[in-house]
Amino acid sequence: PSLPTSPPGYAPPAELVLCQSLEQDASTLLQLSLALGKTEEWLRNGQGDNVARWRGVGVKGGRVISVDWNGQRLVGAGCIPSAICTLSALRLLRISYYNILVPARGSLPPEIGYLQNLKGLYVHSNGVSTVLPPSLARLRSLKTLSLRRSVTVGTMTTDTTILEISNDREAVQAFLAQLVDTNRKRKR
């Protein structure tokens, strides 16, 4: 099966304004930390406005390129806030080993496909099911995908106790194509 191609002019919905500066990235990170049950002080980690020194945040070229909040005991209302998808330079997202995806069934935001620079996505070991949105298949740069012990694909449960594809863009793209194909067949 092949991945769907993005139509010409593929752009996020108007309500999802992509960040274009470190200042906008910082504002998004503050919004996210509050939405996930943490304080501004927790995120700033005693570093004031120095975004590059904030908890779990990586900055390069004046943009946020990584968010690594593994094991931080974040809480959510059933899904990761879609604001994460406005971090247009994001290359790495690690949100594993905590219960962000609560109650027992959560989801990645449908807008995750707008993170065109994302190379690594880690959403494993959350102890709950994660609904994978079809837009995940748009992540053409993704080469590492870790979903171990936390995945349900749509309404079909998949045994992913060992699903981790590292540094293999082709294998990730093949998995995502299979996901899209499975969803297409189920809709018929």
N, C-alpha and C. Protein backbone atom coordinates (compact mmCIF):
# COMPACT_ATOMS: atom_id res chain seq x y z
N PRO A 1 0.83 -1.19 0.00
CA PRO A 1 0.00 0.00 0.00
C PRO A 1 0.87 1.24 0.00
N SER A 2 0.39 2.27 -0.63
CA SER A 2 1.17 3.50 -0.66
C SER A 2 0.57 4.53 0.28
N LEU A 3 1.43 5.45 0.72
CA LEU A 3 0.97 6.51 1.60
C LEU A 3 0.20 7.54 0.79
N PRO A 4 -0.82 8.14 1.40
CA PRO A 4 -1.53 9.18 0.69
C PRO A 4 -0.62 10.38 0.51
N THR A 5 -0.75 11.05 -0.61
CA THR A 5 0.05 12.24 -0.81
C THR A 5 -0.75 13.44 -0.34
N SER A 6 -0.02 14.44 0.10
CA SER A 6 -0.68 15.66 0.54
C SER A 6 -1.13 16.45 -0.67
N PRO A 7 -2.34 16.96 -0.64
CA PRO A 7 -2.81 17.75 -1.77
C PRO A 7 -1.99 19.03 -1.89
N PRO A 8 -1.93 19.62 -3.09
CA PRO A 8 -1.23 20.89 -3.23
C PRO A 8 -1.81 21.91 -2.26
N GLY A 9 -0.94 22.70 -1.66
CA GLY A 9 -1.41 23.70 -0.72
C GLY A 9 -1.79 23.12 0.63
N TYR A 10 -1.39 21.88 0.90
CA TYR A 10 -1.70 21.23 2.18
C TYR A 10 -1.25 22.13 3.31
N ALA A 11 -2.17 22.54 4.12
CA ALA A 11 -1.86 23.47 5.20
C ALA A 11 -2.74 23.15 6.40
N PRO A 12 -2.24 23.50 7.57
CA PRO A 12 -3.04 23.25 8.77
C PRO A 12 -4.31 24.10 8.79
N PRO A 13 -5.30 23.66 9.56
CA PRO A 13 -6.52 24.46 9.68
C PRO A 13 -6.19 25.84 10.25
N ALA A 14 -7.02 26.81 9.97
CA ALA A 14 -6.76 28.20 10.38
C ALA A 14 -6.54 28.33 11.88
N GLU A 15 -7.23 27.52 12.68
CA GLU A 15 -7.09 27.63 14.13
C GLU A 15 -5.76 27.07 14.63
N LEU A 16 -5.02 26.39 13.78
CA LEU A 16 -3.72 25.83 14.15
C LEU A 16 -2.63 26.65 13.45
N VAL A 17 -2.21 27.72 14.12
CA VAL A 17 -1.20 28.62 13.55
C VAL A 17 0.18 28.10 13.93
N LEU A 18 0.97 27.76 12.92
CA LEU A 18 2.30 27.21 13.17
C LEU A 18 3.25 28.28 13.69
N CYS A 19 4.06 27.88 14.67
CA CYS A 19 5.05 28.79 15.24
C CYS A 19 6.12 29.10 14.20
N GLN A 20 6.56 30.35 14.20
CA GLN A 20 7.59 30.78 13.26
C GLN A 20 8.80 31.39 13.97
N SER A 21 8.81 31.39 15.32
CA SER A 21 9.91 31.99 16.06
C SER A 21 10.07 31.28 17.41
N LEU A 22 11.21 31.49 18.03
CA LEU A 22 11.46 30.91 19.34
C LEU A 22 10.48 31.48 20.37
N GLU A 23 10.14 32.73 20.22
CA GLU A 23 9.17 33.36 21.14
C GLU A 23 7.82 32.64 21.06
N GLN A 24 7.37 32.33 19.85
CA GLN A 24 6.11 31.61 19.68
C GLN A 24 6.24 30.18 20.20
N ASP A 25 7.38 29.54 19.94
CA ASP A 25 7.62 28.19 20.47
C ASP A 25 7.51 28.20 21.99
N ALA A 26 8.15 29.19 22.63
CA ALA A 26 8.15 29.29 24.09
C ALA A 26 6.73 29.45 24.62
N SER A 27 5.95 30.29 23.96
CA SER A 27 4.57 30.49 24.37
C SER A 27 3.78 29.18 24.28
N THR A 28 4.00 28.42 23.21
CA THR A 28 3.33 27.12 23.04
C THR A 28 3.75 26.16 24.15
N LEU A 29 5.04 26.11 24.47
CA LEU A 29 5.52 25.21 25.53
C LEU A 29 4.90 25.57 26.88
N LEU A 30 4.77 26.85 27.16
CA LEU A 30 4.13 27.28 28.42
C LEU A 30 2.68 26.82 28.44
N GLN A 31 1.98 27.00 27.34
CA GLN A 31 0.59 26.56 27.23
C GLN A 31 0.49 25.05 27.45
N LEU A 32 1.40 24.29 26.84
CA LEU A 32 1.39 22.84 26.97
C LEU A 32 1.63 22.39 28.40
N SER A 33 2.62 22.99 29.05
CA SER A 33 2.94 22.56 30.42
C SER A 33 1.75 22.78 31.35
N LEU A 34 1.06 23.89 31.17
CA LEU A 34 -0.13 24.16 31.99
C LEU A 34 -1.24 23.16 31.68
N ALA A 35 -1.44 22.87 30.39
CA ALA A 35 -2.48 21.92 29.98
C ALA A 35 -2.19 20.51 30.49
N LEU A 36 -0.91 20.22 30.74
CA LEU A 36 -0.53 18.88 31.19
C LEU A 36 -0.28 18.81 32.68
N GLY A 37 -0.81 19.77 33.41
CA GLY A 37 -0.77 19.71 34.86
C GLY A 37 0.53 20.16 35.50
N LYS A 38 1.35 20.87 34.78
CA LYS A 38 2.61 21.37 35.34
C LYS A 38 2.57 22.89 35.37
N THR A 39 3.43 23.47 36.19
CA THR A 39 3.47 24.92 36.33
C THR A 39 4.50 25.53 35.38
N GLU A 40 4.39 26.81 35.21
CA GLU A 40 5.37 27.53 34.42
C GLU A 40 6.76 27.38 35.05
N GLU A 41 6.81 27.39 36.37
CA GLU A 41 8.09 27.23 37.08
C GLU A 41 8.72 25.87 36.78
N TRP A 42 7.89 24.83 36.71
CA TRP A 42 8.40 23.49 36.39
C TRP A 42 9.08 23.50 35.02
N LEU A 43 8.42 24.10 34.03
CA LEU A 43 8.96 24.14 32.68
C LEU A 43 10.23 24.98 32.61
N ARG A 44 10.18 26.18 33.21
CA ARG A 44 11.33 27.08 33.14
C ARG A 44 12.54 26.52 33.90
N ASN A 45 12.29 25.65 34.86
CA ASN A 45 13.38 24.94 35.54
C ASN A 45 14.42 25.90 36.13
N GLY A 46 13.97 27.05 36.61
CA GLY A 46 14.88 28.03 37.20
C GLY A 46 15.74 28.77 36.19
N GLN A 47 15.39 28.70 34.91
CA GLN A 47 16.22 29.29 33.85
C GLN A 47 15.61 30.54 33.21
N GLY A 48 14.58 31.08 33.79
CA GLY A 48 13.99 32.30 33.26
C GLY A 48 13.53 32.16 31.82
N ASP A 49 13.97 33.09 30.98
CA ASP A 49 13.55 33.11 29.58
C ASP A 49 14.49 32.34 28.66
N ASN A 50 15.47 31.65 29.20
CA ASN A 50 16.42 30.88 28.38
C ASN A 50 15.79 29.55 27.98
N VAL A 51 15.03 29.57 26.90
CA VAL A 51 14.25 28.41 26.45
C VAL A 51 15.13 27.18 26.27
N ALA A 52 16.35 27.38 25.81
CA ALA A 52 17.26 26.26 25.57
C ALA A 52 17.62 25.51 26.85
N ARG A 53 17.36 26.11 28.00
CA ARG A 53 17.65 25.47 29.29
C ARG A 53 16.39 24.99 30.01
N TRP A 54 15.24 25.16 29.37
CA TRP A 54 14.00 24.71 29.98
C TRP A 54 13.97 23.19 30.04
N ARG A 55 13.18 22.67 30.95
CA ARG A 55 13.10 21.22 31.20
C ARG A 55 12.74 20.45 29.94
N GLY A 56 13.67 19.59 29.50
CA GLY A 56 13.42 18.69 28.39
C GLY A 56 13.31 19.34 27.02
N VAL A 57 13.74 20.57 26.88
CA VAL A 57 13.58 21.31 25.62
C VAL A 57 14.94 21.47 24.94
N GLY A 58 14.98 21.17 23.66
CA GLY A 58 16.19 21.38 22.86
C GLY A 58 15.95 22.47 21.83
N VAL A 59 16.93 23.36 21.68
CA VAL A 59 16.82 24.47 20.75
C VAL A 59 18.01 24.46 19.80
N LYS A 60 17.75 24.70 18.54
CA LYS A 60 18.82 24.82 17.55
C LYS A 60 18.37 25.81 16.48
N GLY A 61 19.25 26.69 16.08
CA GLY A 61 18.91 27.66 15.05
C GLY A 61 17.77 28.58 15.45
N GLY A 62 17.64 28.84 16.74
CA GLY A 62 16.60 29.75 17.21
C GLY A 62 15.20 29.17 17.21
N ARG A 63 15.08 27.84 17.18
CA ARG A 63 13.77 27.18 17.20
C ARG A 63 13.80 25.97 18.12
N VAL A 64 12.66 25.62 18.70
CA VAL A 64 12.55 24.40 19.51
C VAL A 64 12.54 23.21 18.56
N ILE A 65 13.51 22.30 18.74
CA ILE A 65 13.59 21.12 17.87
C ILE A 65 13.31 19.82 18.62
N SER A 66 13.30 19.88 19.97
CA SER A 66 12.99 18.64 20.70
C SER A 66 12.27 18.94 22.01
N VAL A 67 11.36 18.04 22.34
CA VAL A 67 10.67 18.05 23.63
C VAL A 67 10.78 16.64 24.16
N ASP A 68 11.47 16.50 25.30
CA ASP A 68 11.69 15.19 25.91
C ASP A 68 11.17 15.26 27.34
N TRP A 69 9.92 14.86 27.50
CA TRP A 69 9.28 14.89 28.81
C TRP A 69 8.99 13.48 29.31
N ASN A 70 9.91 12.57 29.05
CA ASN A 70 9.78 11.19 29.55
C ASN A 70 9.69 11.17 31.07
N GLY A 71 8.80 10.35 31.57
CA GLY A 71 8.72 10.09 33.00
C GLY A 71 8.39 11.28 33.87
N GLN A 72 7.79 12.31 33.34
CA GLN A 72 7.52 13.53 34.11
C GLN A 72 6.17 13.53 34.81
N ARG A 73 5.45 12.42 34.75
CA ARG A 73 4.14 12.30 35.42
C ARG A 73 3.19 13.44 35.04
N LEU A 74 3.14 13.68 33.75
CA LEU A 74 2.21 14.67 33.24
C LEU A 74 0.82 14.05 33.20
N VAL A 75 -0.18 14.88 33.26
CA VAL A 75 -1.56 14.38 33.19
C VAL A 75 -2.28 15.15 32.10
N GLY A 76 -3.23 14.49 31.49
CA GLY A 76 -3.99 15.15 30.44
C GLY A 76 -5.44 14.77 30.53
N ALA A 77 -6.21 15.30 29.62
CA ALA A 77 -7.65 15.03 29.61
C ALA A 77 -7.99 14.06 28.50
N GLY A 78 -7.16 13.07 28.29
CA GLY A 78 -7.47 12.07 27.28
C GLY A 78 -6.64 12.17 26.03
N CYS A 79 -5.93 13.27 25.85
CA CYS A 79 -5.09 13.38 24.66
C CYS A 79 -3.99 14.40 24.88
N ILE A 80 -3.02 14.32 24.02
CA ILE A 80 -1.96 15.31 24.02
C ILE A 80 -2.55 16.55 23.37
N PRO A 81 -2.40 17.72 23.98
CA PRO A 81 -2.98 18.93 23.38
C PRO A 81 -2.46 19.17 21.97
N SER A 82 -3.34 19.59 21.07
CA SER A 82 -2.95 19.81 19.68
C SER A 82 -1.96 20.96 19.55
N ALA A 83 -1.80 21.78 20.57
CA ALA A 83 -0.83 22.88 20.52
C ALA A 83 0.58 22.36 20.22
N ILE A 84 0.88 21.12 20.61
CA ILE A 84 2.21 20.56 20.33
C ILE A 84 2.49 20.59 18.83
N CYS A 85 1.44 20.51 18.03
CA CYS A 85 1.59 20.44 16.58
C CYS A 85 1.91 21.78 15.94
N THR A 86 1.93 22.84 16.72
CA THR A 86 2.31 24.15 16.18
C THR A 86 3.83 24.35 16.22
N LEU A 87 4.55 23.45 16.87
CA LEU A 87 6.01 23.56 16.96
C LEU A 87 6.61 23.07 15.64
N SER A 88 6.57 23.92 14.63
CA SER A 88 6.86 23.53 13.26
C SER A 88 8.29 23.05 13.02
N ALA A 89 9.24 23.35 13.90
CA ALA A 89 10.63 22.88 13.72
C ALA A 89 10.91 21.61 14.53
N LEU A 90 9.91 21.09 15.23
CA LEU A 90 10.11 19.95 16.12
C LEU A 90 10.59 18.72 15.35
N ARG A 91 11.70 18.14 15.84
CA ARG A 91 12.27 16.93 15.23
C ARG A 91 12.12 15.71 16.13
N LEU A 92 12.01 15.93 17.43
CA LEU A 92 11.95 14.82 18.38
C LEU A 92 10.89 15.10 19.43
N LEU A 93 10.00 14.12 19.64
CA LEU A 93 8.98 14.22 20.67
C LEU A 93 8.98 12.93 21.47
N ARG A 94 9.34 13.04 22.76
CA ARG A 94 9.34 11.90 23.68
C ARG A 94 8.32 12.17 24.77
N ILE A 95 7.29 11.35 24.78
CA ILE A 95 6.24 11.51 25.79
C ILE A 95 5.88 10.14 26.34
N SER A 96 6.88 9.44 26.84
CA SER A 96 6.70 8.08 27.31
C SER A 96 6.86 7.98 28.82
N TYR A 97 6.42 6.86 29.35
CA TYR A 97 6.57 6.51 30.77
C TYR A 97 5.80 7.41 31.72
N TYR A 98 4.63 7.82 31.33
CA TYR A 98 3.75 8.50 32.27
C TYR A 98 2.33 8.38 31.76
N ASN A 99 1.39 8.87 32.53
CA ASN A 99 -0.01 8.66 32.20
C ASN A 99 -0.67 9.87 31.58
N ILE A 100 -0.03 10.43 30.56
CA ILE A 100 -0.65 11.59 29.90
C ILE A 100 -1.93 11.20 29.18
N LEU A 101 -1.96 10.01 28.63
CA LEU A 101 -3.10 9.59 27.84
C LEU A 101 -4.13 8.90 28.74
N VAL A 102 -4.88 9.72 29.46
CA VAL A 102 -5.89 9.21 30.36
C VAL A 102 -7.23 9.83 29.97
N PRO A 103 -8.37 9.24 30.28
CA PRO A 103 -8.55 7.95 30.90
C PRO A 103 -8.01 6.83 30.02
N ALA A 104 -8.38 5.61 30.30
CA ALA A 104 -7.76 4.42 29.72
C ALA A 104 -7.61 4.43 28.20
N ARG A 105 -8.14 5.39 27.54
CA ARG A 105 -7.99 5.46 26.09
C ARG A 105 -7.75 6.92 25.72
N GLY A 106 -6.63 7.18 25.11
CA GLY A 106 -6.27 8.55 24.75
C GLY A 106 -5.93 8.64 23.28
N SER A 107 -5.38 9.77 22.89
CA SER A 107 -5.04 9.89 21.49
C SER A 107 -3.94 10.90 21.26
N LEU A 108 -3.25 10.68 20.16
CA LEU A 108 -2.35 11.69 19.65
C LEU A 108 -3.25 12.70 18.95
N PRO A 109 -2.85 13.96 18.92
CA PRO A 109 -3.73 14.94 18.26
C PRO A 109 -3.85 14.65 16.76
N PRO A 110 -5.02 14.85 16.19
CA PRO A 110 -5.22 14.60 14.76
C PRO A 110 -4.27 15.44 13.90
N GLU A 111 -3.81 16.57 14.44
CA GLU A 111 -2.95 17.47 13.69
C GLU A 111 -1.48 17.04 13.68
N ILE A 112 -1.15 15.90 14.27
CA ILE A 112 0.25 15.45 14.37
C ILE A 112 0.93 15.42 13.01
N GLY A 113 0.18 15.22 11.95
CA GLY A 113 0.73 15.17 10.61
C GLY A 113 1.33 16.48 10.12
N TYR A 114 1.09 17.57 10.82
CA TYR A 114 1.66 18.85 10.43
C TYR A 114 3.09 19.02 10.92
N LEU A 115 3.59 18.09 11.72
CA LEU A 115 4.97 18.17 12.22
C LEU A 115 5.90 17.56 11.17
N GLN A 116 6.04 18.23 10.05
CA GLN A 116 6.77 17.70 8.90
C GLN A 116 8.25 17.47 9.14
N ASN A 117 8.84 18.06 10.18
CA ASN A 117 10.25 17.86 10.49
C ASN A 117 10.48 16.76 11.51
N LEU A 118 9.41 16.17 12.04
CA LEU A 118 9.53 15.18 13.10
C LEU A 118 10.24 13.93 12.59
N LYS A 119 11.34 13.58 13.28
CA LYS A 119 12.13 12.40 12.91
C LYS A 119 11.99 11.29 13.93
N GLY A 120 11.67 11.63 15.19
CA GLY A 120 11.52 10.62 16.22
C GLY A 120 10.28 10.88 17.06
N LEU A 121 9.44 9.86 17.20
CA LEU A 121 8.21 9.95 18.00
C LEU A 121 8.17 8.77 18.95
N TYR A 122 8.19 9.06 20.24
CA TYR A 122 8.20 8.05 21.28
C TYR A 122 6.97 8.24 22.17
N VAL A 123 6.01 7.33 22.07
CA VAL A 123 4.81 7.39 22.90
C VAL A 123 4.57 6.02 23.53
N HIS A 124 5.64 5.39 23.98
CA HIS A 124 5.53 4.04 24.51
C HIS A 124 5.43 4.02 26.04
N SER A 125 5.00 2.87 26.52
CA SER A 125 4.95 2.57 27.96
C SER A 125 4.11 3.54 28.77
N ASN A 126 3.01 3.99 28.18
CA ASN A 126 2.10 4.85 28.92
C ASN A 126 1.06 4.04 29.69
N GLY A 127 1.03 2.74 29.47
CA GLY A 127 0.12 1.88 30.21
C GLY A 127 -1.33 2.00 29.80
N VAL A 128 -1.58 2.67 28.70
CA VAL A 128 -2.95 2.82 28.20
C VAL A 128 -2.94 2.66 26.69
N SER A 129 -4.09 2.70 26.09
CA SER A 129 -4.20 2.61 24.63
C SER A 129 -4.10 4.00 24.02
N THR A 130 -3.50 4.06 22.87
CA THR A 130 -3.35 5.31 22.15
C THR A 130 -3.98 5.15 20.77
N VAL A 131 -4.88 6.04 20.43
CA VAL A 131 -5.47 6.01 19.10
C VAL A 131 -4.52 6.74 18.16
N LEU A 132 -4.15 6.06 17.07
CA LEU A 132 -3.25 6.66 16.10
C LEU A 132 -4.05 7.35 15.01
N PRO A 133 -3.90 8.66 14.88
CA PRO A 133 -4.68 9.36 13.86
C PRO A 133 -4.12 9.11 12.46
N PRO A 134 -4.96 9.10 11.44
CA PRO A 134 -4.50 8.87 10.07
C PRO A 134 -3.44 9.87 9.62
N SER A 135 -3.45 11.08 10.17
CA SER A 135 -2.47 12.09 9.75
C SER A 135 -1.04 11.69 10.09
N LEU A 136 -0.88 10.70 10.95
CA LEU A 136 0.47 10.20 11.28
C LEU A 136 1.19 9.76 10.01
N ALA A 137 0.44 9.30 9.04
CA ALA A 137 1.03 8.83 7.78
C ALA A 137 1.65 9.96 6.97
N ARG A 138 1.38 11.20 7.31
CA ARG A 138 1.96 12.34 6.59
C ARG A 138 3.37 12.67 7.06
N LEU A 139 3.84 12.03 8.11
CA LEU A 139 5.15 12.35 8.67
C LEU A 139 6.25 11.71 7.85
N ARG A 140 6.56 12.28 6.73
CA ARG A 140 7.52 11.73 5.78
C ARG A 140 8.95 11.69 6.30
N SER A 141 9.30 12.53 7.27
CA SER A 141 10.66 12.55 7.81
C SER A 141 10.84 11.57 8.97
N LEU A 142 9.74 11.00 9.46
CA LEU A 142 9.80 10.13 10.63
C LEU A 142 10.62 8.88 10.35
N LYS A 143 11.65 8.66 11.17
CA LYS A 143 12.46 7.45 10.98
C LYS A 143 12.55 6.61 12.25
N THR A 144 12.10 7.13 13.39
CA THR A 144 12.04 6.34 14.61
C THR A 144 10.65 6.49 15.21
N LEU A 145 10.00 5.36 15.43
CA LEU A 145 8.64 5.34 15.97
C LEU A 145 8.60 4.28 17.07
N SER A 146 8.27 4.70 18.28
CA SER A 146 8.20 3.76 19.39
C SER A 146 6.81 3.81 20.01
N LEU A 147 6.09 2.70 19.89
CA LEU A 147 4.71 2.60 20.37
C LEU A 147 4.52 1.44 21.34
N ARG A 148 5.61 0.88 21.83
CA ARG A 148 5.52 -0.30 22.69
C ARG A 148 4.56 -0.12 23.86
N ARG A 149 3.77 -1.15 24.12
CA ARG A 149 2.88 -1.24 25.27
C ARG A 149 1.92 -0.07 25.42
N SER A 150 1.45 0.50 24.30
CA SER A 150 0.47 1.57 24.46
C SER A 150 -0.36 1.87 23.22
N VAL A 151 -0.61 0.89 22.37
CA VAL A 151 -1.27 1.25 21.12
C VAL A 151 -2.55 0.48 20.81
N THR A 152 -3.51 1.21 20.33
CA THR A 152 -4.69 0.68 19.66
C THR A 152 -4.78 1.44 18.36
N VAL A 153 -4.93 0.76 17.26
CA VAL A 153 -5.04 1.43 15.97
C VAL A 153 -6.51 1.54 15.64
N GLY A 154 -7.04 2.74 15.71
CA GLY A 154 -8.47 2.93 15.49
C GLY A 154 -9.24 2.08 16.49
N THR A 155 -10.14 1.23 16.00
CA THR A 155 -10.88 0.36 16.90
C THR A 155 -10.27 -1.03 16.93
N MET A 156 -9.18 -1.22 16.20
CA MET A 156 -8.54 -2.53 16.13
C MET A 156 -7.32 -2.55 17.05
N THR A 157 -7.31 -3.44 18.01
CA THR A 157 -6.17 -3.56 18.89
C THR A 157 -5.06 -4.30 18.17
N THR A 158 -3.87 -3.79 18.30
CA THR A 158 -2.70 -4.39 17.67
C THR A 158 -1.71 -4.76 18.75
N ASP A 159 -1.14 -5.95 18.67
CA ASP A 159 -0.12 -6.34 19.63
C ASP A 159 1.16 -5.60 19.30
N THR A 160 1.45 -4.58 20.08
CA THR A 160 2.63 -3.77 19.81
C THR A 160 3.57 -3.79 21.01
N THR A 161 3.58 -4.90 21.71
CA THR A 161 4.47 -4.96 22.87
C THR A 161 5.92 -4.82 22.46
N ILE A 162 6.21 -5.06 21.20
CA ILE A 162 7.59 -4.91 20.75
C ILE A 162 7.73 -3.93 19.60
N LEU A 163 6.71 -3.15 19.29
CA LEU A 163 6.79 -2.25 18.16
C LEU A 163 7.70 -1.07 18.48
N GLU A 164 8.86 -1.14 17.92
CA GLU A 164 9.79 -0.01 17.96
C GLU A 164 10.62 -0.10 16.71
N ILE A 165 10.56 0.92 15.90
CA ILE A 165 11.32 0.96 14.67
C ILE A 165 12.30 2.11 14.81
N SER A 166 13.58 1.79 14.87
CA SER A 166 14.59 2.82 15.10
C SER A 166 15.48 3.02 13.89
N ASN A 167 15.68 4.28 13.56
CA ASN A 167 16.59 4.69 12.49
C ASN A 167 16.35 3.95 11.18
N ASP A 168 15.09 3.72 10.85
CA ASP A 168 14.75 3.03 9.61
C ASP A 168 13.51 3.70 9.02
N ARG A 169 13.74 4.77 8.29
CA ARG A 169 12.66 5.55 7.72
C ARG A 169 11.75 4.70 6.85
N GLU A 170 12.31 3.81 6.05
CA GLU A 170 11.51 2.97 5.16
C GLU A 170 10.58 2.05 5.94
N ALA A 171 11.08 1.47 7.03
CA ALA A 171 10.24 0.59 7.84
C ALA A 171 9.11 1.37 8.51
N VAL A 172 9.41 2.57 8.99
CA VAL A 172 8.37 3.41 9.60
C VAL A 172 7.31 3.75 8.56
N GLN A 173 7.76 4.16 7.37
CA GLN A 173 6.81 4.53 6.32
C GLN A 173 5.96 3.33 5.90
N ALA A 174 6.55 2.13 5.88
CA ALA A 174 5.80 0.92 5.53
C ALA A 174 4.73 0.64 6.59
N PHE A 175 5.07 0.81 7.87
CA PHE A 175 4.10 0.62 8.94
C PHE A 175 2.96 1.61 8.80
N LEU A 176 3.29 2.88 8.55
CA LEU A 176 2.26 3.90 8.43
C LEU A 176 1.38 3.66 7.21
N ALA A 177 1.98 3.17 6.11
CA ALA A 177 1.18 2.84 4.92
C ALA A 177 0.21 1.71 5.24
N GLN A 178 0.67 0.74 6.00
CA GLN A 178 -0.20 -0.37 6.41
C GLN A 178 -1.33 0.14 7.29
N LEU A 179 -1.03 1.07 8.17
CA LEU A 179 -2.05 1.68 9.03
C LEU A 179 -3.11 2.37 8.18
N VAL A 180 -2.69 3.15 7.21
CA VAL A 180 -3.63 3.85 6.33
C VAL A 180 -4.47 2.85 5.56
N ASP A 181 -3.84 1.81 5.02
CA ASP A 181 -4.54 0.79 4.26
C ASP A 181 -5.58 0.07 5.14
N THR A 182 -5.21 -0.26 6.37
CA THR A 182 -6.13 -0.92 7.30
C THR A 182 -7.32 -0.03 7.59
N ASN A 183 -7.07 1.26 7.83
CA ASN A 183 -8.16 2.19 8.10
C ASN A 183 -9.08 2.34 6.88
N ARG A 184 -8.50 2.36 5.69
CA ARG A 184 -9.28 2.48 4.45
C ARG A 184 -10.20 1.27 4.30
N LYS A 185 -9.68 0.07 4.52
CA LYS A 185 -10.48 -1.16 4.38
C LYS A 185 -11.60 -1.19 5.40
N ARG A 186 -11.33 -0.73 6.61
CA ARG A 186 -12.33 -0.76 7.67
C ARG A 186 -13.50 0.17 7.35
N LYS A 187 -13.24 1.26 6.65
CA LYS A 187 -14.28 2.23 6.32
C LYS A 187 -15.23 1.73 5.24
N ARG A 188 -14.79 0.75 4.47
CA ARG A 188 -15.62 0.24 3.36
C ARG A 188 -16.81 -0.50 3.81
